[in-house]
Amino acid sequence: MTHSFEFTGETKVNLHGVTVRRIRATRDIPRAGVKKGDEGGWIDSAELTNGNARVSGDAWVFGDAQVFGDARVFGNAWVFGDAQVFGNARVSGDARVEKPWHLLVVGPIGSENVTVTLARTKNGKHRLTVGCWTGTLGTLMAEVKRRREEWSGDEATQELWTAQYRALKAMGRATVKRWAS
């Protein structure tokens, strides 16, 4: 498999004792805003990523984790263990995705047909990304109410979108509850 990155030679050892290596782009990827030479995130093996997947910032991917498709892992996020991040998923901030159920991806949803990503954070809480908005399940409906004033579409369509976000919140709460078990 041909990758669009190479290892820089820079390494770190994480809290699990795994050595991860910084990556650097070997070609321009205009769709992703990546230029040849841009430094990416940290991985322990080139086999952990494929497709158009990107690991950038101070993000780490290691162990048996997989990042593929158009997925993005960035910020200070860690993806490890048996986790799989794929499709249009976005894992960012302080997310810690170790098990497949530490991540919920739903989409397309709502007024903009966006992909939603709910990920566990390092403190056991969660981070919710809905398109370009980031928050929590607790702040989701206030954001929906605020944005609804700008939505185009008839009342029935707006009610459908609101119902989708309510269902997302319920599914998200059930997912977060599983993290505690």
N, C-alpha and C. Protein backbone atom coordinates (compact mmCIF):
# COMPACT_ATOMS: atom_id res chain seq x y z
N MET A 1 0.84 -1.18 0.00
CA MET A 1 0.00 0.00 0.00
C MET A 1 0.88 1.24 0.00
N THR A 2 0.55 2.21 -0.83
CA THR A 2 1.27 3.47 -0.90
C THR A 2 0.62 4.47 0.04
N HIS A 3 1.42 5.07 0.88
CA HIS A 3 0.91 6.07 1.82
C HIS A 3 1.30 7.45 1.34
N SER A 4 0.61 8.45 1.81
CA SER A 4 0.92 9.83 1.46
C SER A 4 1.72 10.50 2.56
N PHE A 5 2.40 9.69 3.36
CA PHE A 5 3.23 10.23 4.43
C PHE A 5 4.48 9.39 4.60
N GLU A 6 5.42 9.96 5.34
CA GLU A 6 6.64 9.25 5.73
C GLU A 6 6.89 9.56 7.20
N PHE A 7 7.74 8.78 7.83
CA PHE A 7 8.09 9.06 9.21
C PHE A 7 9.20 10.10 9.25
N THR A 8 9.11 11.03 10.21
CA THR A 8 10.10 12.12 10.30
C THR A 8 11.36 11.71 11.04
N GLY A 9 11.30 10.66 11.82
CA GLY A 9 12.42 10.28 12.67
C GLY A 9 12.20 10.70 14.12
N GLU A 10 11.25 11.59 14.35
CA GLU A 10 10.91 12.03 15.70
C GLU A 10 10.02 10.98 16.37
N THR A 11 10.35 10.62 17.61
CA THR A 11 9.59 9.60 18.32
C THR A 11 9.22 10.07 19.72
N LYS A 12 8.19 9.42 20.27
CA LYS A 12 7.78 9.62 21.66
C LYS A 12 7.34 8.27 22.21
N VAL A 13 7.41 8.11 23.51
CA VAL A 13 6.89 6.92 24.16
C VAL A 13 5.69 7.37 24.99
N ASN A 14 4.53 6.75 24.76
CA ASN A 14 3.33 7.17 25.48
C ASN A 14 3.20 6.46 26.82
N LEU A 15 2.14 6.75 27.54
CA LEU A 15 1.94 6.20 28.88
C LEU A 15 1.78 4.68 28.88
N HIS A 16 1.46 4.10 27.73
CA HIS A 16 1.31 2.65 27.61
C HIS A 16 2.62 1.98 27.23
N GLY A 17 3.68 2.76 27.11
CA GLY A 17 4.99 2.23 26.75
C GLY A 17 5.15 1.99 25.25
N VAL A 18 4.26 2.53 24.44
CA VAL A 18 4.31 2.34 22.99
C VAL A 18 5.06 3.52 22.37
N THR A 19 6.00 3.21 21.50
CA THR A 19 6.72 4.25 20.78
C THR A 19 5.93 4.64 19.55
N VAL A 20 5.63 5.92 19.43
CA VAL A 20 4.92 6.44 18.26
C VAL A 20 5.87 7.37 17.51
N ARG A 21 5.64 7.48 16.19
CA ARG A 21 6.53 8.26 15.34
C ARG A 21 5.72 9.34 14.61
N ARG A 22 6.29 10.53 14.52
CA ARG A 22 5.66 11.64 13.82
C ARG A 22 5.66 11.35 12.32
N ILE A 23 4.58 11.76 11.64
CA ILE A 23 4.51 11.59 10.19
C ILE A 23 4.55 12.94 9.49
N ARG A 24 4.92 12.90 8.20
CA ARG A 24 5.01 14.10 7.38
C ARG A 24 4.45 13.77 5.99
N ALA A 25 3.69 14.70 5.42
CA ALA A 25 3.09 14.49 4.10
C ALA A 25 4.16 14.39 3.02
N THR A 26 4.02 13.42 2.11
CA THR A 26 4.96 13.26 1.00
C THR A 26 4.41 13.84 -0.30
N ARG A 27 3.17 14.36 -0.23
CA ARG A 27 2.57 14.98 -1.42
C ARG A 27 1.49 15.96 -0.97
N ASP A 28 1.14 16.85 -1.85
CA ASP A 28 0.02 17.76 -1.59
C ASP A 28 -1.29 16.97 -1.61
N ILE A 29 -2.18 17.31 -0.69
CA ILE A 29 -3.53 16.75 -0.67
C ILE A 29 -4.46 17.97 -0.59
N PRO A 30 -4.72 18.60 -1.74
CA PRO A 30 -5.47 19.87 -1.75
C PRO A 30 -6.83 19.78 -1.07
N ARG A 31 -7.56 18.70 -1.27
CA ARG A 31 -8.89 18.56 -0.68
C ARG A 31 -8.83 18.63 0.85
N ALA A 32 -7.71 18.21 1.41
CA ALA A 32 -7.55 18.20 2.86
C ALA A 32 -6.77 19.41 3.36
N GLY A 33 -6.31 20.26 2.46
CA GLY A 33 -5.53 21.42 2.88
C GLY A 33 -4.14 21.07 3.33
N VAL A 34 -3.63 19.92 2.87
CA VAL A 34 -2.31 19.44 3.28
C VAL A 34 -1.32 19.71 2.15
N LYS A 35 -0.15 20.23 2.52
CA LYS A 35 0.91 20.47 1.55
C LYS A 35 2.07 19.51 1.83
N LYS A 36 2.76 19.12 0.78
CA LYS A 36 3.92 18.25 0.92
C LYS A 36 4.86 18.86 1.96
N GLY A 37 5.29 18.07 2.91
CA GLY A 37 6.18 18.53 3.96
C GLY A 37 5.48 18.88 5.26
N ASP A 38 4.16 19.05 5.24
CA ASP A 38 3.41 19.33 6.47
C ASP A 38 3.57 18.17 7.45
N GLU A 39 3.85 18.51 8.70
CA GLU A 39 3.93 17.47 9.72
C GLU A 39 2.53 17.05 10.15
N GLY A 40 2.40 15.77 10.44
CA GLY A 40 1.13 15.24 10.91
C GLY A 40 1.23 14.81 12.36
N GLY A 41 0.38 13.87 12.73
CA GLY A 41 0.35 13.37 14.09
C GLY A 41 1.34 12.24 14.31
N TRP A 42 0.98 11.37 15.24
CA TRP A 42 1.87 10.32 15.71
C TRP A 42 1.21 8.96 15.53
N ILE A 43 1.92 8.01 14.92
CA ILE A 43 1.42 6.65 14.78
C ILE A 43 2.55 5.67 15.08
N ASP A 44 2.19 4.44 15.43
CA ASP A 44 3.26 3.47 15.69
C ASP A 44 3.49 2.54 14.51
N SER A 45 2.60 2.57 13.50
CA SER A 45 2.76 1.69 12.35
C SER A 45 2.01 2.29 11.16
N ALA A 46 2.61 2.23 9.98
CA ALA A 46 1.97 2.75 8.78
C ALA A 46 0.69 1.99 8.45
N GLU A 47 0.55 0.76 8.92
CA GLU A 47 -0.62 -0.05 8.64
C GLU A 47 -1.87 0.42 9.37
N LEU A 48 -1.74 1.36 10.28
CA LEU A 48 -2.88 1.83 11.06
C LEU A 48 -3.78 2.77 10.29
N THR A 49 -3.31 3.32 9.20
CA THR A 49 -4.12 4.26 8.42
C THR A 49 -4.15 3.84 6.96
N ASN A 50 -5.25 4.16 6.29
CA ASN A 50 -5.33 3.96 4.84
C ASN A 50 -6.44 4.82 4.27
N GLY A 51 -6.56 4.80 2.95
CA GLY A 51 -7.54 5.65 2.30
C GLY A 51 -7.14 7.10 2.41
N ASN A 52 -8.10 7.97 2.61
CA ASN A 52 -7.84 9.40 2.76
C ASN A 52 -7.76 9.81 4.23
N ALA A 53 -7.62 8.84 5.11
CA ALA A 53 -7.58 9.14 6.54
C ALA A 53 -6.41 10.05 6.87
N ARG A 54 -6.62 10.94 7.87
CA ARG A 54 -5.56 11.85 8.29
C ARG A 54 -5.39 11.80 9.79
N VAL A 55 -4.14 11.84 10.22
CA VAL A 55 -3.78 11.98 11.62
C VAL A 55 -2.90 13.22 11.69
N SER A 56 -3.33 14.23 12.47
CA SER A 56 -2.59 15.48 12.48
C SER A 56 -2.54 16.08 13.88
N GLY A 57 -1.85 17.20 13.99
CA GLY A 57 -1.71 17.86 15.29
C GLY A 57 -0.89 16.99 16.23
N ASP A 58 -1.34 16.90 17.46
CA ASP A 58 -0.68 16.04 18.45
C ASP A 58 -1.46 14.76 18.67
N ALA A 59 -2.27 14.36 17.69
CA ALA A 59 -3.05 13.12 17.80
C ALA A 59 -2.15 11.90 17.70
N TRP A 60 -2.56 10.82 18.41
CA TRP A 60 -1.81 9.58 18.43
C TRP A 60 -2.73 8.44 18.02
N VAL A 61 -2.24 7.56 17.16
CA VAL A 61 -2.94 6.34 16.79
C VAL A 61 -1.95 5.20 16.98
N PHE A 62 -2.35 4.20 17.80
CA PHE A 62 -1.42 3.11 18.08
C PHE A 62 -2.15 1.85 18.49
N GLY A 63 -1.36 0.77 18.67
CA GLY A 63 -1.94 -0.52 19.04
C GLY A 63 -2.61 -1.16 17.84
N ASP A 64 -3.77 -1.74 18.06
CA ASP A 64 -4.52 -2.39 16.98
C ASP A 64 -5.57 -1.47 16.37
N ALA A 65 -5.52 -0.20 16.69
CA ALA A 65 -6.51 0.75 16.18
C ALA A 65 -6.36 0.91 14.67
N GLN A 66 -7.46 1.31 14.03
CA GLN A 66 -7.47 1.55 12.59
C GLN A 66 -8.15 2.88 12.30
N VAL A 67 -7.59 3.67 11.40
CA VAL A 67 -8.20 4.92 10.94
C VAL A 67 -8.21 4.83 9.42
N PHE A 68 -9.42 4.89 8.84
CA PHE A 68 -9.50 4.72 7.39
C PHE A 68 -10.68 5.48 6.81
N GLY A 69 -10.83 5.38 5.48
CA GLY A 69 -11.86 6.16 4.80
C GLY A 69 -11.46 7.62 4.78
N ASP A 70 -12.40 8.51 5.05
CA ASP A 70 -12.14 9.94 5.11
C ASP A 70 -12.05 10.44 6.55
N ALA A 71 -11.79 9.55 7.48
CA ALA A 71 -11.76 9.90 8.91
C ALA A 71 -10.58 10.83 9.21
N ARG A 72 -10.77 11.63 10.26
CA ARG A 72 -9.74 12.57 10.71
C ARG A 72 -9.56 12.41 12.21
N VAL A 73 -8.30 12.30 12.64
CA VAL A 73 -7.95 12.28 14.06
C VAL A 73 -6.98 13.43 14.26
N PHE A 74 -7.33 14.37 15.15
CA PHE A 74 -6.50 15.56 15.29
C PHE A 74 -6.62 16.12 16.70
N GLY A 75 -5.96 17.25 16.93
CA GLY A 75 -5.94 17.83 18.28
C GLY A 75 -5.05 16.97 19.16
N ASN A 76 -5.51 16.69 20.37
CA ASN A 76 -4.77 15.85 21.31
C ASN A 76 -5.40 14.47 21.43
N ALA A 77 -6.20 14.09 20.45
CA ALA A 77 -6.94 12.83 20.52
C ALA A 77 -6.02 11.62 20.45
N TRP A 78 -6.46 10.54 21.11
CA TRP A 78 -5.78 9.25 21.03
C TRP A 78 -6.79 8.24 20.52
N VAL A 79 -6.38 7.42 19.56
CA VAL A 79 -7.16 6.28 19.09
C VAL A 79 -6.26 5.07 19.27
N PHE A 80 -6.73 4.09 20.04
CA PHE A 80 -5.87 2.94 20.37
C PHE A 80 -6.73 1.74 20.73
N GLY A 81 -6.07 0.67 21.18
CA GLY A 81 -6.81 -0.55 21.51
C GLY A 81 -7.43 -1.14 20.26
N ASP A 82 -8.68 -1.55 20.34
CA ASP A 82 -9.39 -2.14 19.21
C ASP A 82 -10.24 -1.14 18.45
N ALA A 83 -10.05 0.14 18.68
CA ALA A 83 -10.91 1.16 18.08
C ALA A 83 -10.74 1.23 16.57
N GLN A 84 -11.84 1.57 15.91
CA GLN A 84 -11.84 1.83 14.47
C GLN A 84 -12.54 3.16 14.22
N VAL A 85 -11.87 4.04 13.51
CA VAL A 85 -12.42 5.34 13.16
C VAL A 85 -12.46 5.38 11.64
N PHE A 86 -13.65 5.60 11.09
CA PHE A 86 -13.78 5.51 9.63
C PHE A 86 -14.92 6.37 9.13
N GLY A 87 -15.17 6.29 7.83
CA GLY A 87 -16.21 7.13 7.23
C GLY A 87 -15.79 8.58 7.32
N ASN A 88 -16.70 9.44 7.70
CA ASN A 88 -16.41 10.87 7.86
C ASN A 88 -16.20 11.25 9.31
N ALA A 89 -15.88 10.29 10.16
CA ALA A 89 -15.72 10.56 11.59
C ALA A 89 -14.61 11.58 11.84
N ARG A 90 -14.82 12.39 12.86
CA ARG A 90 -13.84 13.38 13.30
C ARG A 90 -13.62 13.18 14.79
N VAL A 91 -12.40 12.80 15.16
CA VAL A 91 -12.04 12.59 16.55
C VAL A 91 -11.00 13.65 16.89
N SER A 92 -11.32 14.49 17.89
CA SER A 92 -10.45 15.63 18.15
C SER A 92 -10.44 15.98 19.63
N GLY A 93 -9.79 17.09 19.93
CA GLY A 93 -9.73 17.55 21.32
C GLY A 93 -8.98 16.54 22.17
N ASP A 94 -9.51 16.25 23.35
CA ASP A 94 -8.89 15.29 24.26
C ASP A 94 -9.57 13.93 24.18
N ALA A 95 -10.16 13.59 23.04
CA ALA A 95 -10.86 12.31 22.90
C ALA A 95 -9.90 11.15 23.12
N ARG A 96 -10.42 10.11 23.77
CA ARG A 96 -9.67 8.86 23.97
C ARG A 96 -10.57 7.73 23.52
N VAL A 97 -10.31 7.22 22.33
CA VAL A 97 -11.12 6.16 21.76
C VAL A 97 -10.30 4.87 21.81
N GLU A 98 -10.69 3.98 22.74
CA GLU A 98 -9.95 2.75 22.94
C GLU A 98 -10.73 1.53 22.46
N LYS A 99 -12.02 1.55 22.64
CA LYS A 99 -12.88 0.44 22.24
C LYS A 99 -13.79 0.92 21.13
N PRO A 100 -14.30 0.00 20.31
CA PRO A 100 -15.20 0.43 19.23
C PRO A 100 -16.38 1.24 19.75
N TRP A 101 -16.87 0.97 20.94
CA TRP A 101 -18.04 1.69 21.45
C TRP A 101 -17.69 3.00 22.16
N HIS A 102 -16.43 3.40 22.11
CA HIS A 102 -16.03 4.71 22.64
C HIS A 102 -16.25 5.80 21.59
N LEU A 103 -16.84 5.42 20.47
CA LEU A 103 -17.06 6.36 19.38
C LEU A 103 -18.42 6.06 18.77
N LEU A 104 -19.19 7.11 18.53
CA LEU A 104 -20.48 7.00 17.85
C LEU A 104 -20.46 7.96 16.68
N VAL A 105 -20.74 7.47 15.49
CA VAL A 105 -20.78 8.30 14.29
C VAL A 105 -22.15 8.15 13.66
N VAL A 106 -22.82 9.28 13.42
CA VAL A 106 -24.16 9.30 12.85
C VAL A 106 -24.18 10.32 11.71
N GLY A 107 -24.81 9.97 10.63
CA GLY A 107 -24.94 10.96 9.57
C GLY A 107 -25.40 10.34 8.27
N PRO A 108 -25.88 11.15 7.39
CA PRO A 108 -26.09 12.59 7.51
C PRO A 108 -27.30 12.90 8.38
N ILE A 109 -27.25 14.05 9.04
CA ILE A 109 -28.31 14.42 9.98
C ILE A 109 -28.54 15.93 9.93
N GLY A 110 -29.75 16.34 10.22
CA GLY A 110 -30.08 17.74 10.45
C GLY A 110 -30.15 18.63 9.23
N SER A 111 -30.17 19.92 9.50
CA SER A 111 -30.40 20.93 8.48
C SER A 111 -29.29 21.01 7.44
N GLU A 112 -28.09 20.55 7.78
CA GLU A 112 -26.95 20.65 6.87
C GLU A 112 -26.46 19.29 6.41
N ASN A 113 -27.19 18.22 6.76
CA ASN A 113 -26.78 16.85 6.40
C ASN A 113 -25.33 16.57 6.80
N VAL A 114 -25.02 16.86 8.06
CA VAL A 114 -23.65 16.69 8.56
C VAL A 114 -23.46 15.33 9.20
N THR A 115 -22.20 14.98 9.40
CA THR A 115 -21.83 13.80 10.15
C THR A 115 -21.57 14.22 11.59
N VAL A 116 -22.06 13.43 12.53
CA VAL A 116 -21.91 13.70 13.95
C VAL A 116 -20.95 12.67 14.54
N THR A 117 -20.02 13.12 15.38
CA THR A 117 -19.10 12.23 16.06
C THR A 117 -19.17 12.49 17.56
N LEU A 118 -19.42 11.43 18.32
CA LEU A 118 -19.40 11.49 19.79
C LEU A 118 -18.24 10.62 20.22
N ALA A 119 -17.29 11.19 20.96
CA ALA A 119 -16.11 10.45 21.38
C ALA A 119 -15.86 10.63 22.87
N ARG A 120 -15.35 9.58 23.48
CA ARG A 120 -14.96 9.59 24.89
C ARG A 120 -13.70 10.43 25.04
N THR A 121 -13.61 11.22 26.12
CA THR A 121 -12.41 12.03 26.37
C THR A 121 -11.56 11.36 27.43
N LYS A 122 -10.35 11.89 27.61
CA LYS A 122 -9.41 11.26 28.54
C LYS A 122 -9.91 11.27 29.98
N ASN A 123 -10.81 12.19 30.33
CA ASN A 123 -11.33 12.22 31.69
C ASN A 123 -12.62 11.42 31.84
N GLY A 124 -12.95 10.61 30.80
CA GLY A 124 -14.14 9.77 30.86
C GLY A 124 -15.42 10.47 30.48
N LYS A 125 -15.33 11.72 30.13
CA LYS A 125 -16.51 12.49 29.69
C LYS A 125 -16.67 12.31 28.18
N HIS A 126 -17.21 13.30 27.48
CA HIS A 126 -17.38 13.16 26.04
C HIS A 126 -17.23 14.48 25.31
N ARG A 127 -17.04 14.36 24.02
CA ARG A 127 -16.94 15.51 23.11
C ARG A 127 -17.85 15.20 21.94
N LEU A 128 -18.74 16.12 21.61
CA LEU A 128 -19.70 15.95 20.53
C LEU A 128 -19.36 16.95 19.42
N THR A 129 -19.17 16.45 18.20
CA THR A 129 -18.90 17.30 17.06
C THR A 129 -20.02 17.11 16.05
N VAL A 130 -20.74 18.18 15.75
CA VAL A 130 -21.84 18.17 14.79
C VAL A 130 -21.46 19.15 13.69
N GLY A 131 -20.98 18.61 12.57
CA GLY A 131 -20.49 19.51 11.52
C GLY A 131 -19.33 20.31 12.06
N CYS A 132 -19.43 21.63 12.06
CA CYS A 132 -18.35 22.50 12.55
C CYS A 132 -18.53 22.88 14.02
N TRP A 133 -19.65 22.50 14.65
CA TRP A 133 -19.91 22.84 16.05
C TRP A 133 -19.37 21.73 16.96
N THR A 134 -18.79 22.12 18.07
CA THR A 134 -18.31 21.17 19.06
C THR A 134 -18.88 21.55 20.41
N GLY A 135 -19.38 20.56 21.15
CA GLY A 135 -19.94 20.80 22.47
C GLY A 135 -20.16 19.48 23.18
N THR A 136 -21.25 19.42 23.96
CA THR A 136 -21.59 18.21 24.70
C THR A 136 -23.05 17.87 24.46
N LEU A 137 -23.44 16.68 24.88
CA LEU A 137 -24.84 16.30 24.78
C LEU A 137 -25.71 17.27 25.58
N GLY A 138 -25.18 17.77 26.69
CA GLY A 138 -25.93 18.70 27.53
C GLY A 138 -26.17 20.05 26.90
N THR A 139 -25.32 20.45 25.95
CA THR A 139 -25.49 21.75 25.31
C THR A 139 -26.07 21.65 23.90
N LEU A 140 -26.28 20.43 23.43
CA LEU A 140 -26.75 20.21 22.06
C LEU A 140 -28.08 20.91 21.76
N MET A 141 -29.09 20.71 22.57
CA MET A 141 -30.42 21.23 22.24
C MET A 141 -30.48 22.76 22.32
N ALA A 142 -29.67 23.37 23.17
CA ALA A 142 -29.61 24.83 23.20
C ALA A 142 -29.02 25.34 21.88
N GLU A 143 -28.02 24.63 21.36
CA GLU A 143 -27.43 25.02 20.09
C GLU A 143 -28.42 24.82 18.94
N VAL A 144 -29.18 23.72 18.99
CA VAL A 144 -30.21 23.48 17.97
C VAL A 144 -31.23 24.62 17.99
N LYS A 145 -31.68 25.00 19.18
CA LYS A 145 -32.67 26.08 19.31
C LYS A 145 -32.11 27.39 18.75
N ARG A 146 -30.85 27.68 19.07
CA ARG A 146 -30.22 28.91 18.59
C ARG A 146 -30.13 28.91 17.06
N ARG A 147 -29.72 27.79 16.49
CA ARG A 147 -29.52 27.73 15.04
C ARG A 147 -30.83 27.60 14.27
N ARG A 148 -31.86 27.10 14.91
CA ARG A 148 -33.12 26.88 14.21
C ARG A 148 -33.66 28.18 13.60
N GLU A 149 -33.37 29.29 14.23
CA GLU A 149 -33.81 30.59 13.70
C GLU A 149 -33.25 30.87 12.31
N GLU A 150 -32.13 30.24 11.98
CA GLU A 150 -31.48 30.46 10.69
C GLU A 150 -31.82 29.39 9.66
N TRP A 151 -32.51 28.33 10.07
CA TRP A 151 -32.79 27.23 9.15
C TRP A 151 -33.75 27.66 8.05
N SER A 152 -33.51 27.14 6.86
CA SER A 152 -34.49 27.30 5.79
C SER A 152 -35.30 26.00 5.77
N GLY A 153 -36.46 26.04 5.21
CA GLY A 153 -37.31 24.85 5.21
C GLY A 153 -38.60 25.14 5.93
N ASP A 154 -39.63 24.39 5.57
CA ASP A 154 -40.93 24.59 6.20
C ASP A 154 -40.92 24.06 7.64
N GLU A 155 -41.98 24.33 8.35
CA GLU A 155 -42.08 23.94 9.77
C GLU A 155 -41.95 22.44 9.96
N ALA A 156 -42.57 21.65 9.10
CA ALA A 156 -42.50 20.18 9.22
C ALA A 156 -41.07 19.68 9.05
N THR A 157 -40.34 20.26 8.12
CA THR A 157 -38.95 19.86 7.91
C THR A 157 -38.10 20.25 9.11
N GLN A 158 -38.32 21.44 9.65
CA GLN A 158 -37.57 21.87 10.83
C GLN A 158 -37.87 20.98 12.03
N GLU A 159 -39.11 20.55 12.17
CA GLU A 159 -39.47 19.62 13.26
C GLU A 159 -38.77 18.28 13.08
N LEU A 160 -38.65 17.82 11.83
CA LEU A 160 -37.93 16.57 11.55
C LEU A 160 -36.48 16.69 11.99
N TRP A 161 -35.83 17.79 11.61
CA TRP A 161 -34.43 17.99 11.99
C TRP A 161 -34.28 18.05 13.51
N THR A 162 -35.18 18.75 14.17
CA THR A 162 -35.13 18.84 15.63
C THR A 162 -35.31 17.45 16.25
N ALA A 163 -36.22 16.67 15.71
CA ALA A 163 -36.44 15.30 16.20
C ALA A 163 -35.18 14.45 16.01
N GLN A 164 -34.48 14.64 14.90
CA GLN A 164 -33.23 13.91 14.68
C GLN A 164 -32.21 14.24 15.77
N TYR A 165 -32.10 15.51 16.11
CA TYR A 165 -31.15 15.91 17.16
C TYR A 165 -31.57 15.38 18.53
N ARG A 166 -32.87 15.34 18.81
CA ARG A 166 -33.33 14.75 20.07
C ARG A 166 -32.98 13.26 20.13
N ALA A 167 -33.19 12.57 19.02
CA ALA A 167 -32.85 11.14 18.95
C ALA A 167 -31.34 10.94 19.11
N LEU A 168 -30.56 11.83 18.50
CA LEU A 168 -29.11 11.78 18.65
C LEU A 168 -28.72 11.92 20.11
N LYS A 169 -29.35 12.86 20.80
CA LYS A 169 -29.04 13.08 22.22
C LYS A 169 -29.35 11.82 23.03
N ALA A 170 -30.48 11.18 22.78
CA ALA A 170 -30.85 9.95 23.50
C ALA A 170 -29.86 8.83 23.20
N MET A 171 -29.51 8.66 21.93
CA MET A 171 -28.55 7.62 21.56
C MET A 171 -27.18 7.93 22.16
N GLY A 172 -26.81 9.19 22.17
CA GLY A 172 -25.53 9.59 22.77
C GLY A 172 -25.48 9.30 24.25
N ARG A 173 -26.56 9.60 24.96
CA ARG A 173 -26.60 9.31 26.41
C ARG A 173 -26.48 7.81 26.68
N ALA A 174 -27.13 7.00 25.86
CA ALA A 174 -27.02 5.54 26.02
C ALA A 174 -25.59 5.08 25.76
N THR A 175 -24.93 5.69 24.78
CA THR A 175 -23.55 5.34 24.46
C THR A 175 -22.62 5.71 25.61
N VAL A 176 -22.78 6.92 26.14
CA VAL A 176 -21.94 7.39 27.26
C VAL A 176 -22.17 6.50 28.48
N LYS A 177 -23.38 6.08 28.71
CA LYS A 177 -23.68 5.21 29.86
C LYS A 177 -22.92 3.89 29.75
N ARG A 178 -22.76 3.40 28.54
CA ARG A 178 -22.03 2.14 28.35
C ARG A 178 -20.55 2.28 28.71
N TRP A 179 -20.00 3.48 28.53
CA TRP A 179 -18.59 3.69 28.85
C TRP A 179 -18.30 3.42 30.31
N ALA A 180 -19.27 3.62 31.17
CA ALA A 180 -19.07 3.43 32.61
C ALA A 180 -19.07 1.96 33.00
N SER A 181 -19.57 1.11 32.10
CA SER A 181 -19.65 -0.32 32.47
C SER A 181 -18.42 -1.09 32.06
